[in-house]
Amino acid sequence: MNKRVSVYRKEHFNAAHRLHNPAWDEQKNDAVFGKCNNPNFHGHNYELVVKITGEPGADTGFVIDLKFLSDLINETVLQKLDHKNLNLDVPEFSNLNPTVENIAIVIYDLLRSKIDQKLDLQIRLYETEKNFAEYPVS
């Protein structure tokens, strides 16, 4: 019998970014990205939800120790992204447009190697109350 359970950890961070494609002229960037192409950047209050799915351990009853997960997210994600300019301060975005989709993928990649491979990992990242991305999709 499948006894897989999902547990979630929610975190919050603030970051600035600019959506811009350097291969395009300013007119096209403005047409595609609008206000998000502001050369002086703009910011968001991101809500991050990390979902871990697996079977609870026989010895602990945990899918994953949520204290471990909290510490891991803090050390691996929040310290890297919180109160940063994603375009300028985060190497992962030096050649990658920091859209909510790409930020979710980067966060997944930062965490995946540090979480037991038998556990499924999914990232949900809210850029605004109404706009969010999930990676990977189920």
Protein backbone atom coordinates (compact mmCIF):
# COMPACT_ATOMS: atom_id res chain seq x y z
CA MET A 1 0.00 0.00 0.00
CA ASN A 2 1.25 3.45 -0.94
CA LYS A 3 1.69 5.60 2.18
CA ARG A 4 3.23 8.61 0.50
CA VAL A 5 2.60 11.92 2.23
CA SER A 6 3.44 15.49 1.21
CA VAL A 7 4.78 18.01 3.71
CA TYR A 8 5.26 21.69 3.01
CA ARG A 9 7.50 24.48 4.22
CA LYS A 10 6.55 28.08 3.48
CA GLU A 11 9.15 30.84 3.46
CA HIS A 12 9.25 34.46 2.39
CA PHE A 13 11.89 36.59 0.71
CA ASN A 14 12.14 39.99 -0.96
CA ALA A 15 14.12 40.60 -4.11
CA ALA A 16 14.46 43.06 -6.96
CA HIS A 17 14.82 42.19 -10.62
CA ARG A 18 14.44 43.45 -14.15
CA LEU A 19 12.94 41.40 -16.95
CA HIS A 20 15.01 42.18 -20.01
CA ASN A 21 16.35 40.39 -23.05
CA PRO A 22 19.67 41.99 -24.09
CA ALA A 23 19.26 40.60 -27.63
CA TRP A 24 16.22 42.87 -28.12
CA ASP A 25 16.02 46.63 -28.49
CA GLU A 26 14.35 48.73 -25.79
CA GLN A 27 11.12 49.02 -27.78
CA LYS A 28 10.66 45.26 -27.94
CA ASN A 29 11.68 44.81 -24.28
CA ASP A 30 9.12 47.45 -23.28
CA ALA A 31 6.43 45.81 -25.44
CA VAL A 32 7.04 42.33 -23.97
CA PHE A 33 7.96 43.10 -20.35
CA GLY A 34 6.27 46.48 -19.75
CA LYS A 35 6.90 47.93 -16.27
CA CYS A 36 8.95 44.85 -15.40
CA ASN A 37 11.63 46.14 -17.81
CA ASN A 38 12.31 49.21 -15.64
CA PRO A 39 16.07 49.89 -15.98
CA ASN A 40 16.12 50.77 -12.27
CA PHE A 41 14.58 47.39 -11.37
CA HIS A 42 11.48 46.64 -9.29
CA GLY A 43 10.82 44.32 -6.38
CA HIS A 44 8.53 41.59 -5.12
CA ASN A 45 7.66 39.99 -1.81
CA TYR A 46 7.99 36.35 -2.83
CA GLU A 47 6.24 33.49 -1.05
CA LEU A 48 8.06 30.20 -1.45
CA VAL A 49 6.39 26.86 -0.78
CA VAL A 50 8.62 23.79 -0.81
CA LYS A 51 6.75 20.50 -1.12
CA ILE A 52 8.43 17.22 -0.18
CA THR A 53 6.68 13.92 -0.89
CA GLY A 54 7.67 10.48 0.36
CA GLU A 55 6.85 7.77 2.85
CA PRO A 56 7.16 8.59 6.55
CA GLY A 57 10.17 6.94 8.14
CA ALA A 58 9.44 4.00 10.43
CA ASP A 59 11.75 5.39 13.11
CA THR A 60 10.64 9.07 13.12
CA GLY A 61 7.29 9.21 11.35
CA PHE A 62 8.75 12.08 9.29
CA VAL A 63 8.85 12.31 5.51
CA ILE A 64 11.64 14.82 6.18
CA ASP A 65 12.64 16.62 9.34
CA LEU A 66 10.99 20.02 8.84
CA LYS A 67 13.64 21.73 10.99
CA PHE A 68 16.30 20.33 8.63
CA LEU A 69 14.24 21.53 5.64
CA SER A 70 13.80 25.00 7.17
CA ASP A 71 17.54 25.32 7.82
CA LEU A 72 18.35 24.04 4.33
CA ILE A 73 16.04 26.55 2.65
CA ASN A 74 17.49 29.36 4.76
CA GLU A 75 21.11 28.46 4.01
CA THR A 76 20.67 27.48 0.36
CA VAL A 77 17.94 29.78 -0.94
CA LEU A 78 17.12 32.67 1.38
CA GLN A 79 20.69 33.73 2.08
CA LYS A 80 21.30 33.77 -1.67
CA LEU A 81 18.11 35.57 -2.80
CA ASP A 82 16.63 37.59 0.08
CA HIS A 83 17.08 41.37 -0.24
CA LYS A 84 19.16 40.90 -3.38
CA ASN A 85 19.02 42.27 -6.88
CA LEU A 86 18.62 39.01 -8.75
CA ASN A 87 20.12 40.37 -11.98
CA LEU A 88 23.21 41.82 -10.31
CA ASP A 89 23.80 39.82 -7.12
CA VAL A 90 22.91 36.23 -8.03
CA PRO A 91 25.27 34.43 -10.45
CA GLU A 92 22.54 32.05 -11.61
CA PHE A 93 20.79 35.01 -13.27
CA SER A 94 23.80 36.59 -14.95
CA ASN A 95 22.59 35.11 -18.27
CA LEU A 96 19.09 34.01 -17.29
CA ASN A 97 16.05 36.28 -17.20
CA PRO A 98 14.77 36.19 -13.57
CA THR A 99 11.13 35.45 -14.35
CA VAL A 100 9.07 33.70 -11.67
CA GLU A 101 9.38 30.54 -13.80
CA ASN A 102 13.18 30.71 -13.92
CA ILE A 103 13.48 31.61 -10.24
CA ALA A 104 11.41 28.52 -9.34
CA ILE A 105 13.69 26.32 -11.47
CA VAL A 106 16.83 27.83 -9.90
CA ILE A 107 15.46 27.24 -6.39
CA TYR A 108 14.65 23.63 -7.31
CA ASP A 109 18.18 23.12 -8.66
CA LEU A 110 19.72 24.64 -5.51
CA LEU A 111 17.77 22.26 -3.26
CA ARG A 112 17.51 19.04 -5.29
CA SER A 113 21.03 17.73 -4.64
CA LYS A 114 20.71 18.36 -0.89
CA ILE A 115 17.48 16.36 -0.42
CA ASP A 116 17.34 12.56 -0.44
CA GLN A 117 16.68 11.43 -4.01
CA LYS A 118 13.92 9.05 -2.86
CA LEU A 119 11.88 12.12 -1.92
CA ASP A 120 10.01 14.14 -4.53
CA LEU A 121 10.60 17.89 -4.48
CA GLN A 122 8.32 20.56 -5.89
CA ILE A 123 8.66 24.34 -5.74
CA ARG A 124 5.75 26.76 -5.77
CA LEU A 125 6.82 30.38 -5.95
CA TYR A 126 4.36 33.27 -5.63
CA GLU A 127 5.61 36.48 -7.21
CA THR A 128 2.34 38.20 -6.36
CA GLU A 129 -0.86 37.04 -4.75
CA LYS A 130 -2.20 36.19 -8.21
CA ASN A 131 0.93 35.11 -10.12
CA PHE A 132 2.94 32.02 -9.29
CA ALA A 133 4.91 29.16 -10.83
CA GLU A 134 5.35 25.50 -9.93
CA TYR A 135 8.32 23.33 -10.83
CA PRO A 136 8.38 20.56 -11.73
CA VAL A 137 4.80 20.13 -12.85
CA SER A 138 3.05 16.97 -11.80
